[in-house]
Amino acid sequence: MSDLFDTPAYKLVRRDDPSTSHDAAASIVASAMELVVLNEIRKFGATGCISDQVCDALPRHRYSTVTARYKQLKEKGLVIVDGTKVKGASGRQQMVMWASEYYPEGAING
């Protein structure tokens, strides 16, 4: 597994979170979950996907477990968002995400 997935525990919690959150962050393997989420996003190819679709594809994982991985994946350049939005199940707009290798060539990155 690549160093890209070695997210340090301190990036998984906020400074003012309770000690139990810090303990939990230190005990999980974030890299494994990042890879699970990235692989689901990859399955959508050049179409991209929204969070609702990723969460629906991973029903065994809690919403917060899945969505917490987006930031790290974007920071690592493995997932791209460009401001494109699509209406989700709640009726609110959600950002479209692409695995970097499927981001449409020539698309405006904003």
PDB file of N, CA and C in Angstrom:
ATOM      1  N   MET A   1       0.853  -1.183   0.000  1.00  0.00           N
ATOM      2  CA  MET A   1       0.000   0.000   0.000  1.00  0.00           C
ATOM      3  C   MET A   1       0.893   1.238   0.000  1.00  0.00           C
ATOM      4  N   SER A   2       0.513   2.246  -0.707  1.00  0.00           N
ATOM      5  CA  SER A   2       1.281   3.468  -0.878  1.00  0.00           C
ATOM      6  C   SER A   2       1.249   4.360   0.359  1.00  0.00           C
ATOM      7  N   ASP A   3       2.282   5.218   0.479  1.00  0.00           N
ATOM      8  CA  ASP A   3       2.322   6.206   1.562  1.00  0.00           C
ATOM      9  C   ASP A   3       1.170   7.188   1.480  1.00  0.00           C
ATOM     10  N   LEU A   4       0.541   7.313   0.302  1.00  0.00           N
ATOM     11  CA  LEU A   4      -0.590   8.228   0.151  1.00  0.00           C
ATOM     12  C   LEU A   4      -1.706   7.909   1.124  1.00  0.00           C
ATOM     13  N   PHE A   5      -1.795   6.660   1.574  1.00  0.00           N
ATOM     14  CA  PHE A   5      -2.892   6.252   2.436  1.00  0.00           C
ATOM     15  C   PHE A   5      -2.530   6.225   3.915  1.00  0.00           C
ATOM     16  N   ASP A   6      -1.366   6.716   4.254  1.00  0.00           N
ATOM     17  CA  ASP A   6      -0.944   6.728   5.653  1.00  0.00           C
ATOM     18  C   ASP A   6      -1.342   8.048   6.310  1.00  0.00           C
ATOM     19  N   THR A   7      -2.630   8.288   6.425  1.00  0.00           N
ATOM     20  CA  THR A   7      -3.133   9.513   7.043  1.00  0.00           C
ATOM     21  C   THR A   7      -2.912   9.439   8.549  1.00  0.00           C
ATOM     22  N   PRO A   8      -2.203  10.429   9.118  1.00  0.00           N
ATOM     23  CA  PRO A   8      -1.980  10.402  10.565  1.00  0.00           C
ATOM     24  C   PRO A   8      -3.274  10.603  11.346  1.00  0.00           C
ATOM     25  N   ALA A   9      -3.342   9.981  12.510  1.00  0.00           N
ATOM     26  CA  ALA A   9      -4.557  10.030  13.337  1.00  0.00           C
ATOM     27  C   ALA A   9      -4.948  11.462  13.680  1.00  0.00           C
ATOM     28  N   TYR A  10      -3.975  12.347  13.880  1.00  0.00           N
ATOM     29  CA  TYR A  10      -4.325  13.715  14.275  1.00  0.00           C
ATOM     30  C   TYR A  10      -5.146  14.435  13.216  1.00  0.00           C
ATOM     31  N   LYS A  11      -5.100  13.990  11.970  1.00  0.00           N
ATOM     32  CA  LYS A  11      -5.900  14.616  10.920  1.00  0.00           C
ATOM     33  C   LYS A  11      -7.339  14.117  10.916  1.00  0.00           C
ATOM     34  N   LEU A  12      -7.639  13.135  11.743  1.00  0.00           N
ATOM     35  CA  LEU A  12      -8.974  12.554  11.770  1.00  0.00           C
ATOM     36  C   LEU A  12      -9.861  13.141  12.856  1.00  0.00           C
ATOM     37  N   VAL A  13      -9.313  13.973  13.714  1.00  0.00           N
ATOM     38  CA  VAL A  13     -10.080  14.591  14.799  1.00  0.00           C
ATOM     39  C   VAL A  13      -9.707  16.054  14.932  1.00  0.00           C
ATOM     40  N   ARG A  14     -10.601  16.813  15.547  1.00  0.00           N
ATOM     41  CA  ARG A  14     -10.336  18.221  15.832  1.00  0.00           C
ATOM     42  C   ARG A  14      -9.679  18.334  17.202  1.00  0.00           C
ATOM     43  N   ARG A  15      -8.925  19.378  17.396  1.00  0.00           N
ATOM     44  CA  ARG A  15      -8.216  19.601  18.646  1.00  0.00           C
ATOM     45  C   ARG A  15      -9.143  19.574  19.852  1.00  0.00           C
ATOM     46  N   ASP A  16     -10.354  20.110  19.710  1.00  0.00           N
ATOM     47  CA  ASP A  16     -11.267  20.217  20.851  1.00  0.00           C
ATOM     48  C   ASP A  16     -12.249  19.038  20.953  1.00  0.00           C
ATOM     49  N   ASP A  17     -12.065  17.991  20.142  1.00  0.00           N
ATOM     50  CA  ASP A  17     -12.906  16.800  20.261  1.00  0.00           C
ATOM     51  C   ASP A  17     -12.615  16.082  21.582  1.00  0.00           C
ATOM     52  N   PRO A  18     -13.591  15.341  22.104  1.00  0.00           N
ATOM     53  CA  PRO A  18     -13.368  14.611  23.359  1.00  0.00           C
ATOM     54  C   PRO A  18     -12.258  13.570  23.215  1.00  0.00           C
ATOM     55  N   SER A  19     -11.685  13.176  24.325  1.00  0.00           N
ATOM     56  CA  SER A  19     -10.571  12.216  24.309  1.00  0.00           C
ATOM     57  C   SER A  19     -10.983  10.889  23.662  1.00  0.00           C
ATOM     58  N   THR A  20     -12.251  10.529  23.793  1.00  0.00           N
ATOM     59  CA  THR A  20     -12.702   9.277  23.175  1.00  0.00           C
ATOM     60  C   THR A  20     -12.571   9.332  21.653  1.00  0.00           C
ATOM     61  N   SER A  21     -12.786  10.510  21.075  1.00  0.00           N
ATOM     62  CA  SER A  21     -12.622  10.666  19.625  1.00  0.00           C
ATOM     63  C   SER A  21     -11.159  10.524  19.231  1.00  0.00           C
ATOM     64  N   HIS A  22     -10.275  11.079  20.039  1.00  0.00           N
ATOM     65  CA  HIS A  22      -8.839  10.947  19.766  1.00  0.00           C
ATOM     66  C   HIS A  22      -8.402   9.490  19.891  1.00  0.00           C
ATOM     67  N   ASP A  23      -8.924   8.794  20.883  1.00  0.00           N
ATOM     68  CA  ASP A  23      -8.602   7.377  21.054  1.00  0.00           C
ATOM     69  C   ASP A  23      -9.090   6.566  19.860  1.00  0.00           C
ATOM     70  N   ALA A  24     -10.300   6.855  19.407  1.00  0.00           N
ATOM     71  CA  ALA A  24     -10.867   6.139  18.263  1.00  0.00           C
ATOM     72  C   ALA A  24     -10.057   6.412  17.005  1.00  0.00           C
ATOM     73  N   ALA A  25      -9.673   7.658  16.803  1.00  0.00           N
ATOM     74  CA  ALA A  25      -8.893   8.011  15.611  1.00  0.00           C
ATOM     75  C   ALA A  25      -7.554   7.282  15.600  1.00  0.00           C
ATOM     76  N   ALA A  26      -6.954   7.144  16.766  1.00  0.00           N
ATOM     77  CA  ALA A  26      -5.670   6.466  16.847  1.00  0.00           C
ATOM     78  C   ALA A  26      -5.799   4.967  16.610  1.00  0.00           C
ATOM     79  N   SER A  27      -6.978   4.409  16.855  1.00  0.00           N
ATOM     80  CA  SER A  27      -7.146   2.962  16.760  1.00  0.00           C
ATOM     81  C   SER A  27      -7.600   2.472  15.391  1.00  0.00           C
ATOM     82  N   ILE A  28      -8.113   3.364  14.533  1.00  0.00           N
ATOM     83  CA  ILE A  28      -8.609   2.900  13.235  1.00  0.00           C
ATOM     84  C   ILE A  28      -7.525   2.944  12.176  1.00  0.00           C
ATOM     85  N   VAL A  29      -7.735   2.194  11.144  1.00  0.00           N
ATOM     86  CA  VAL A  29      -6.814   2.208  10.017  1.00  0.00           C
ATOM     87  C   VAL A  29      -7.481   3.041   8.928  1.00  0.00           C
ATOM     88  N   ALA A  30      -7.200   4.339   8.946  1.00  0.00           N
ATOM     89  CA  ALA A  30      -7.828   5.250   7.998  1.00  0.00           C
ATOM     90  C   ALA A  30      -7.445   4.911   6.569  1.00  0.00           C
ATOM     91  N   SER A  31      -6.228   4.455   6.367  1.00  0.00           N
ATOM     92  CA  SER A  31      -5.777   4.169   5.010  1.00  0.00           C
ATOM     93  C   SER A  31      -6.645   3.108   4.342  1.00  0.00           C
ATOM     94  N   ALA A  32      -7.070   2.122   5.102  1.00  0.00           N
ATOM     95  CA  ALA A  32      -7.908   1.076   4.525  1.00  0.00           C
ATOM     96  C   ALA A  32      -9.263   1.634   4.109  1.00  0.00           C
ATOM     97  N   MET A  33      -9.850   2.468   4.946  1.00  0.00           N
ATOM     98  CA  MET A  33     -11.157   3.047   4.618  1.00  0.00           C
ATOM     99  C   MET A  33     -11.043   4.042   3.472  1.00  0.00           C
ATOM    100  N   GLU A  34      -9.954   4.791   3.405  1.00  0.00           N
ATOM    101  CA  GLU A  34      -9.744   5.702   2.277  1.00  0.00           C
ATOM    102  C   GLU A  34      -9.726   4.916   0.973  1.00  0.00           C
ATOM    103  N   LEU A  35      -9.070   3.787   0.995  1.00  0.00           N
ATOM    104  CA  LEU A  35      -8.990   2.967  -0.213  1.00  0.00           C
ATOM    105  C   LEU A  35     -10.358   2.415  -0.593  1.00  0.00           C
ATOM    106  N   VAL A  36     -11.153   2.004   0.386  1.00  0.00           N
ATOM    107  CA  VAL A  36     -12.509   1.513   0.123  1.00  0.00           C
ATOM    108  C   VAL A  36     -13.336   2.608  -0.560  1.00  0.00           C
ATOM    109  N   VAL A  37     -13.290   3.822  -0.007  1.00  0.00           N
ATOM    110  CA  VAL A  37     -14.067   4.938  -0.558  1.00  0.00           C
ATOM    111  C   VAL A  37     -13.546   5.308  -1.942  1.00  0.00           C
ATOM    112  N   LEU A  38     -12.242   5.391  -2.107  1.00  0.00           N
ATOM    113  CA  LEU A  38     -11.667   5.718  -3.416  1.00  0.00           C
ATOM    114  C   LEU A  38     -12.076   4.693  -4.462  1.00  0.00           C
ATOM    115  N   ASN A  39     -12.034   3.437  -4.113  1.00  0.00           N
ATOM    116  CA  ASN A  39     -12.418   2.403  -5.081  1.00  0.00           C
ATOM    117  C   ASN A  39     -13.880   2.519  -5.496  1.00  0.00           C
ATOM    118  N   GLU A  40     -14.756   2.919  -4.577  1.00  0.00           N
ATOM    119  CA  GLU A  40     -16.168   3.138  -4.952  1.00  0.00           C
ATOM    120  C   GLU A  40     -16.287   4.323  -5.905  1.00  0.00           C
ATOM    121  N   ILE A  41     -15.590   5.403  -5.606  1.00  0.00           N
ATOM    122  CA  ILE A  41     -15.627   6.581  -6.485  1.00  0.00           C
ATOM    123  C   ILE A  41     -15.094   6.215  -7.862  1.00  0.00           C
ATOM    124  N   ARG A  42     -14.057   5.403  -7.907  1.00  0.00           N
ATOM    125  CA  ARG A  42     -13.485   4.966  -9.195  1.00  0.00           C
ATOM    126  C   ARG A  42     -14.513   4.227 -10.044  1.00  0.00           C
ATOM    127  N   LYS A  43     -15.394   3.473  -9.429  1.00  0.00           N
ATOM    128  CA  LYS A  43     -16.388   2.689 -10.169  1.00  0.00           C
ATOM    129  C   LYS A  43     -17.320   3.561 -11.005  1.00  0.00           C
ATOM    130  N   PHE A  44     -17.448   4.843 -10.664  1.00  0.00           N
ATOM    131  CA  PHE A  44     -18.326   5.738 -11.416  1.00  0.00           C
ATOM    132  C   PHE A  44     -17.637   6.312 -12.649  1.00  0.00           C
ATOM    133  N   GLY A  45     -16.342   6.084 -12.782  1.00  0.00           N
ATOM    134  CA  GLY A  45     -15.602   6.493 -13.971  1.00  0.00           C
ATOM    135  C   GLY A  45     -15.715   7.974 -14.284  1.00  0.00           C
ATOM    136  N   ALA A  46     -15.786   8.280 -15.579  1.00  0.00           N
ATOM    137  CA  ALA A  46     -15.818   9.664 -16.046  1.00  0.00           C
ATOM    138  C   ALA A  46     -17.125  10.375 -15.713  1.00  0.00           C
ATOM    139  N   THR A  47     -18.152   9.629 -15.325  1.00  0.00           N
ATOM    140  CA  THR A  47     -19.428  10.229 -14.940  1.00  0.00           C
ATOM    141  C   THR A  47     -19.297  10.955 -13.616  1.00  0.00           C
ATOM    142  N   GLY A  48     -18.424  10.460 -12.754  1.00  0.00           N
ATOM    143  CA  GLY A  48     -18.305  11.024 -11.419  1.00  0.00           C
ATOM    144  C   GLY A  48     -19.484  10.591 -10.559  1.00  0.00           C
ATOM    145  N   CYS A  49     -19.499  11.047  -9.320  1.00  0.00           N
ATOM    146  CA  CYS A  49     -20.562  10.653  -8.408  1.00  0.00           C
ATOM    147  C   CYS A  49     -20.728  11.705  -7.324  1.00  0.00           C
ATOM    148  N   ILE A  50     -21.824  11.589  -6.607  1.00  0.00           N
ATOM    149  CA  ILE A  50     -22.053  12.452  -5.450  1.00  0.00           C
ATOM    150  C   ILE A  50     -22.002  11.582  -4.196  1.00  0.00           C
ATOM    151  N   SER A  51     -21.936  12.221  -3.061  1.00  0.00           N
ATOM    152  CA  SER A  51     -21.820  11.510  -1.799  1.00  0.00           C
ATOM    153  C   SER A  51     -22.947  10.494  -1.598  1.00  0.00           C
ATOM    154  N   ASP A  52     -24.179  10.850  -1.962  1.00  0.00           N
ATOM    155  CA  ASP A  52     -25.300   9.910  -1.826  1.00  0.00           C
ATOM    156  C   ASP A  52     -24.992   8.586  -2.510  1.00  0.00           C
ATOM    157  N   GLN A  53     -24.410   8.649  -3.696  1.00  0.00           N
ATOM    158  CA  GLN A  53     -24.124   7.437  -4.461  1.00  0.00           C
ATOM    159  C   GLN A  53     -23.039   6.594  -3.788  1.00  0.00           C
ATOM    160  N   VAL A  54     -22.021   7.271  -3.259  1.00  0.00           N
ATOM    161  CA  VAL A  54     -20.949   6.547  -2.579  1.00  0.00           C
ATOM    162  C   VAL A  54     -21.499   5.874  -1.322  1.00  0.00           C
ATOM    163  N   CYS A  55     -22.263   6.609  -0.546  1.00  0.00           N
ATOM    164  CA  CYS A  55     -22.847   6.044   0.679  1.00  0.00           C
ATOM    165  C   CYS A  55     -23.799   4.893   0.374  1.00  0.00           C
ATOM    166  N   ASP A  56     -24.591   5.018  -0.687  1.00  0.00           N
ATOM    167  CA  ASP A  56     -25.497   3.937  -1.088  1.00  0.00           C
ATOM    168  C   ASP A  56     -24.722   2.685  -1.491  1.00  0.00           C
ATOM    169  N   ALA A  57     -23.550   2.880  -2.084  1.00  0.00           N
ATOM    170  CA  ALA A  57     -22.735   1.750  -2.527  1.00  0.00           C
ATOM    171  C   ALA A  57     -21.993   1.082  -1.367  1.00  0.00           C
ATOM    172  N   LEU A  58     -21.950   1.751  -0.226  1.00  0.00           N
ATOM    173  CA  LEU A  58     -21.244   1.213   0.943  1.00  0.00           C
ATOM    174  C   LEU A  58     -22.182   1.127   2.148  1.00  0.00           C
ATOM    175  N   PRO A  59     -23.266   0.362   2.048  1.00  0.00           N
ATOM    176  CA  PRO A  59     -24.276   0.352   3.103  1.00  0.00           C
ATOM    177  C   PRO A  59     -23.800  -0.217   4.443  1.00  0.00           C
ATOM    178  N   ARG A  60     -22.712  -0.946   4.446  1.00  0.00           N
ATOM    179  CA  ARG A  60     -22.207  -1.523   5.701  1.00  0.00           C
ATOM    180  C   ARG A  60     -21.395  -0.515   6.523  1.00  0.00           C
ATOM    181  N   HIS A  61     -21.117   0.637   5.923  1.00  0.00           N
ATOM    182  CA  HIS A  61     -20.319   1.660   6.602  1.00  0.00           C
ATOM    183  C   HIS A  61     -21.196   2.854   6.958  1.00  0.00           C
ATOM    184  N   ARG A  62     -20.936   3.434   8.106  1.00  0.00           N
ATOM    185  CA  ARG A  62     -21.698   4.599   8.540  1.00  0.00           C
ATOM    186  C   ARG A  62     -21.405   5.791   7.631  1.00  0.00           C
ATOM    187  N   TYR A  63     -22.399   6.650   7.498  1.00  0.00           N
ATOM    188  CA  TYR A  63     -22.279   7.866   6.691  1.00  0.00           C
ATOM    189  C   TYR A  63     -21.018   8.638   7.065  1.00  0.00           C
ATOM    190  N   SER A  64     -20.823   8.877   8.363  1.00  0.00           N
ATOM    191  CA  SER A  64     -19.685   9.687   8.804  1.00  0.00           C
ATOM    192  C   SER A  64     -18.348   9.000   8.531  1.00  0.00           C
ATOM    193  N   THR A  65     -18.325   7.689   8.529  1.00  0.00           N
ATOM    194  CA  THR A  65     -17.100   6.955   8.219  1.00  0.00           C
ATOM    195  C   THR A  65     -16.715   7.163   6.763  1.00  0.00           C
ATOM    196  N   VAL A  66     -17.697   7.156   5.883  1.00  0.00           N
ATOM    197  CA  VAL A  66     -17.450   7.335   4.450  1.00  0.00           C
ATOM    198  C   VAL A  66     -17.092   8.788   4.144  1.00  0.00           C
ATOM    199  N   THR A  67     -17.931   9.715   4.573  1.00  0.00           N
ATOM    200  CA  THR A  67     -17.737  11.112   4.190  1.00  0.00           C
ATOM    201  C   THR A  67     -16.484  11.733   4.791  1.00  0.00           C
ATOM    202  N   ALA A  68     -16.015  11.208   5.910  1.00  0.00           N
ATOM    203  CA  ALA A  68     -14.789  11.735   6.524  1.00  0.00           C
ATOM    204  C   ALA A  68     -13.561  11.473   5.657  1.00  0.00           C
ATOM    205  N   ARG A  69     -13.645  10.564   4.720  1.00  0.00           N
ATOM    206  CA  ARG A  69     -12.495  10.230   3.865  1.00  0.00           C
ATOM    207  C   ARG A  69     -12.332  11.170   2.683  1.00  0.00           C
ATOM    208  N   TYR A  70     -13.391  11.898   2.309  1.00  0.00           N
ATOM    209  CA  TYR A  70     -13.315  12.748   1.116  1.00  0.00           C
ATOM    210  C   TYR A  70     -12.196  13.779   1.217  1.00  0.00           C
ATOM    211  N   LYS A  71     -12.082  14.431   2.357  1.00  0.00           N
ATOM    212  CA  LYS A  71     -11.087  15.497   2.503  1.00  0.00           C
ATOM    213  C   LYS A  71      -9.679  14.968   2.259  1.00  0.00           C
ATOM    214  N   GLN A  72      -9.332  13.844   2.886  1.00  0.00           N
ATOM    215  CA  GLN A  72      -7.999  13.302   2.706  1.00  0.00           C
ATOM    216  C   GLN A  72      -7.751  12.907   1.249  1.00  0.00           C
ATOM    217  N   LEU A  73      -8.748  12.313   0.616  1.00  0.00           N
ATOM    218  CA  LEU A  73      -8.595  11.897  -0.775  1.00  0.00           C
ATOM    219  C   LEU A  73      -8.412  13.098  -1.695  1.00  0.00           C
ATOM    220  N   LYS A  74      -9.119  14.190  -1.416  1.00  0.00           N
ATOM    221  CA  LYS A  74      -8.945  15.411  -2.214  1.00  0.00           C
ATOM    222  C   LYS A  74      -7.563  16.010  -1.967  1.00  0.00           C
ATOM    223  N   GLU A  75      -7.135  16.061  -0.701  1.00  0.00           N
ATOM    224  CA  GLU A  75      -5.823  16.624  -0.375  1.00  0.00           C
ATOM    225  C   GLU A  75      -4.691  15.846  -1.043  1.00  0.00           C
ATOM    226  N   LYS A  76      -4.865  14.562  -1.209  1.00  0.00           N
ATOM    227  CA  LYS A  76      -3.851  13.713  -1.825  1.00  0.00           C
ATOM    228  C   LYS A  76      -3.917  13.746  -3.352  1.00  0.00           C
ATOM    229  N   GLY A  77      -4.912  14.460  -3.902  1.00  0.00           N
ATOM    230  CA  GLY A  77      -5.051  14.548  -5.347  1.00  0.00           C
ATOM    231  C   GLY A  77      -5.643  13.315  -5.987  1.00  0.00           C
ATOM    232  N   LEU A  78      -6.231  12.442  -5.177  1.00  0.00           N
ATOM    233  CA  LEU A  78      -6.806  11.212  -5.694  1.00  0.00           C
ATOM    234  C   LEU A  78      -8.264  11.375  -6.101  1.00  0.00           C
ATOM    235  N   VAL A  79      -8.918  12.391  -5.547  1.00  0.00           N
ATOM    236  CA  VAL A  79     -10.301  12.727  -5.890  1.00  0.00           C
ATOM    237  C   VAL A  79     -10.337  14.196  -6.258  1.00  0.00           C
ATOM    238  N   ILE A  80     -11.077  14.500  -7.315  1.00  0.00           N
ATOM    239  CA  ILE A  80     -11.176  15.880  -7.815  1.00  0.00           C
ATOM    240  C   ILE A  80     -12.619  16.341  -7.757  1.00  0.00           C
ATOM    241  N   VAL A  81     -12.805  17.576  -7.296  1.00  0.00           N
ATOM    242  CA  VAL A  81     -14.091  18.269  -7.390  1.00  0.00           C
ATOM    243  C   VAL A  81     -13.804  19.586  -8.089  1.00  0.00           C
ATOM    244  N   ASP A  82     -14.738  20.037  -8.923  1.00  0.00           N
ATOM    245  CA  ASP A  82     -14.496  21.274  -9.671  1.00  0.00           C
ATOM    246  C   ASP A  82     -15.620  22.289  -9.548  1.00  0.00           C
ATOM    247  N   GLY A  83     -16.511  22.075  -8.607  1.00  0.00           N
ATOM    248  CA  GLY A  83     -17.634  22.995  -8.440  1.00  0.00           C
ATOM    249  C   GLY A  83     -18.927  22.507  -9.074  1.00  0.00           C
ATOM    250  N   THR A  84     -18.843  21.439  -9.859  1.00  0.00           N
ATOM    251  CA  THR A  84     -20.038  20.859 -10.463  1.00  0.00           C
ATOM    252  C   THR A  84     -20.896  20.255  -9.359  1.00  0.00           C
ATOM    253  N   LYS A  85     -22.203  20.549  -9.398  1.00  0.00           N
ATOM    254  CA  LYS A  85     -23.114  20.051  -8.375  1.00  0.00           C
ATOM    255  C   LYS A  85     -24.305  19.356  -9.014  1.00  0.00           C
ATOM    256  N   VAL A  86     -24.864  18.409  -8.265  1.00  0.00           N
ATOM    257  CA  VAL A  86     -26.051  17.664  -8.672  1.00  0.00           C
ATOM    258  C   VAL A  86     -26.951  17.553  -7.450  1.00  0.00           C
ATOM    259  N   LYS A  87     -28.250  17.590  -7.671  1.00  0.00           N
ATOM    260  CA  LYS A  87     -29.189  17.479  -6.562  1.00  0.00           C
ATOM    261  C   LYS A  87     -29.166  16.069  -5.971  1.00  0.00           C
ATOM    262  N   GLY A  88     -29.013  16.006  -4.655  1.00  0.00           N
ATOM    263  CA  GLY A  88     -29.008  14.732  -3.945  1.00  0.00           C
ATOM    264  C   GLY A  88     -30.405  14.350  -3.498  1.00  0.00           C
ATOM    265  N   ALA A  89     -30.513  13.251  -2.798  1.00  0.00           N
ATOM    266  CA  ALA A  89     -31.804  12.731  -2.329  1.00  0.00           C
ATOM    267  C   ALA A  89     -32.522  13.714  -1.413  1.00  0.00           C
ATOM    268  N   SER A  90     -31.761  14.504  -0.663  1.00  0.00           N
ATOM    269  CA  SER A  90     -32.358  15.471   0.261  1.00  0.00           C
ATOM    270  C   SER A  90     -32.923  16.690  -0.454  1.00  0.00           C
ATOM    271  N   GLY A  91     -32.606  16.815  -1.741  1.00  0.00           N
ATOM    272  CA  GLY A  91     -33.011  17.995  -2.495  1.00  0.00           C
ATOM    273  C   GLY A  91     -31.935  19.064  -2.514  1.00  0.00           C
ATOM    274  N   ARG A  92     -30.906  18.882  -1.716  1.00  0.00           N
ATOM    275  CA  ARG A  92     -29.783  19.823  -1.688  1.00  0.00           C
ATOM    276  C   ARG A  92     -28.736  19.424  -2.713  1.00  0.00           C
ATOM    277  N   GLN A  93     -27.994  20.426  -3.164  1.00  0.00           N
ATOM    278  CA  GLN A  93     -26.935  20.199  -4.133  1.00  0.00           C
ATOM    279  C   GLN A  93     -25.731  19.523  -3.471  1.00  0.00           C
ATOM    280  N   GLN A  94     -25.126  18.575  -4.169  1.00  0.00           N
ATOM    281  CA  GLN A  94     -23.910  17.906  -3.707  1.00  0.00           C
ATOM    282  C   GLN A  94     -22.847  18.026  -4.788  1.00  0.00           C
ATOM    283  N   MET A  95     -21.597  18.151  -4.352  1.00  0.00           N
ATOM    284  CA  MET A  95     -20.479  18.253  -5.286  1.00  0.00           C
ATOM    285  C   MET A  95     -20.274  16.919  -6.004  1.00  0.00           C
ATOM    286  N   VAL A  96     -19.988  16.989  -7.287  1.00  0.00           N
ATOM    287  CA  VAL A  96     -19.630  15.795  -8.045  1.00  0.00           C
ATOM    288  C   VAL A  96     -18.145  15.535  -7.805  1.00  0.00           C
ATOM    289  N   MET A  97     -17.814  14.271  -7.563  1.00  0.00           N
ATOM    290  CA  MET A  97     -16.433  13.857  -7.321  1.00  0.00           C
ATOM    291  C   MET A  97     -16.006  12.876  -8.405  1.00  0.00           C
ATOM    292  N   TRP A  98     -14.746  12.973  -8.789  1.00  0.00           N
ATOM    293  CA  TRP A  98     -14.160  12.036  -9.739  1.00  0.00           C
ATOM    294  C   TRP A  98     -12.876  11.483  -9.149  1.00  0.00           C
ATOM    295  N   ALA A  99     -12.600  10.203  -9.360  1.00  0.00           N
ATOM    296  CA  ALA A  99     -11.252   9.698  -9.122  1.00  0.00           C
ATOM    297  C   ALA A  99     -10.375  10.415 -10.137  1.00  0.00           C
ATOM    298  N   SER A 100      -9.210  10.861  -9.721  1.00  0.00           N
ATOM    299  CA  SER A 100      -8.384  11.723 -10.570  1.00  0.00           C
ATOM    300  C   SER A 100      -8.120  11.125 -11.953  1.00  0.00           C
ATOM    301  N   GLU A 101      -7.980   9.806 -12.046  1.00  0.00           N
ATOM    302  CA  GLU A 101      -7.690   9.209 -13.349  1.00  0.00           C
ATOM    303  C   GLU A 101      -8.892   9.236 -14.299  1.00  0.00           C
ATOM    304  N   TYR A 102     -10.086   9.537 -13.777  1.00  0.00           N
ATOM    305  CA  TYR A 102     -11.283   9.595 -14.615  1.00  0.00           C
ATOM    306  C   TYR A 102     -11.803  11.010 -14.811  1.00  0.00           C
ATOM    307  N   TYR A 103     -11.114  11.994 -14.238  1.00  0.00           N
ATOM    308  CA  TYR A 103     -11.589  13.367 -14.396  1.00  0.00           C
ATOM    309  C   TYR A 103     -11.561  13.725 -15.868  1.00  0.00           C
ATOM    310  N   PRO A 104     -12.681  14.232 -16.392  1.00  0.00           N
ATOM    311  CA  PRO A 104     -12.763  14.507 -17.837  1.00  0.00           C
ATOM    312  C   PRO A 104     -11.664  15.470 -18.305  1.00  0.00           C
ATOM    313  N   GLU A 105     -10.888  15.017 -19.283  1.00  0.00           N
ATOM    314  CA  GLU A 105      -9.812  15.839 -19.823  1.00  0.00           C
ATOM    315  C   GLU A 105     -10.384  17.124 -20.414  1.00  0.00           C
ATOM    316  N   GLY A 106      -9.752  18.205 -20.098  1.00  0.00           N
ATOM    317  CA  GLY A 106     -10.210  19.498 -20.616  1.00  0.00           C
ATOM    318  C   GLY A 106     -11.291  20.151 -19.771  1.00  0.00           C
ATOM    319  N   ALA A 107     -11.758  19.473 -18.722  1.00  0.00           N
ATOM    320  CA  ALA A 107     -12.774  20.061 -17.860  1.00  0.00           C
ATOM    321  C   ALA A 107     -12.187  21.256 -17.115  1.00  0.00           C
ATOM    322  N   ILE A 108     -13.027  22.234 -16.864  1.00  0.00           N
ATOM    323  CA  ILE A 108     -12.590  23.425 -16.133  1.00  0.00           C
ATOM    324  C   ILE A 108     -12.476  23.057 -14.676  1.00  0.00           C
ATOM    325  N   ASN A 109     -11.327  23.293 -14.091  1.00  0.00           N
ATOM    326  CA  ASN A 109     -11.106  23.001 -12.674  1.00  0.00           C
ATOM    327  C   ASN A 109     -11.235  24.296 -11.902  1.00  0.00           C
ATOM    328  N   GLY A 110     -12.325  24.458 -11.169  1.00  0.00           N
ATOM    329  CA  GLY A 110     -12.554  25.698 -10.451  1.00  0.00           C
ATOM    330  C   GLY A 110     -12.815  25.420  -9.071  1.00  0.00           C
TER     331      GLY A 110
END
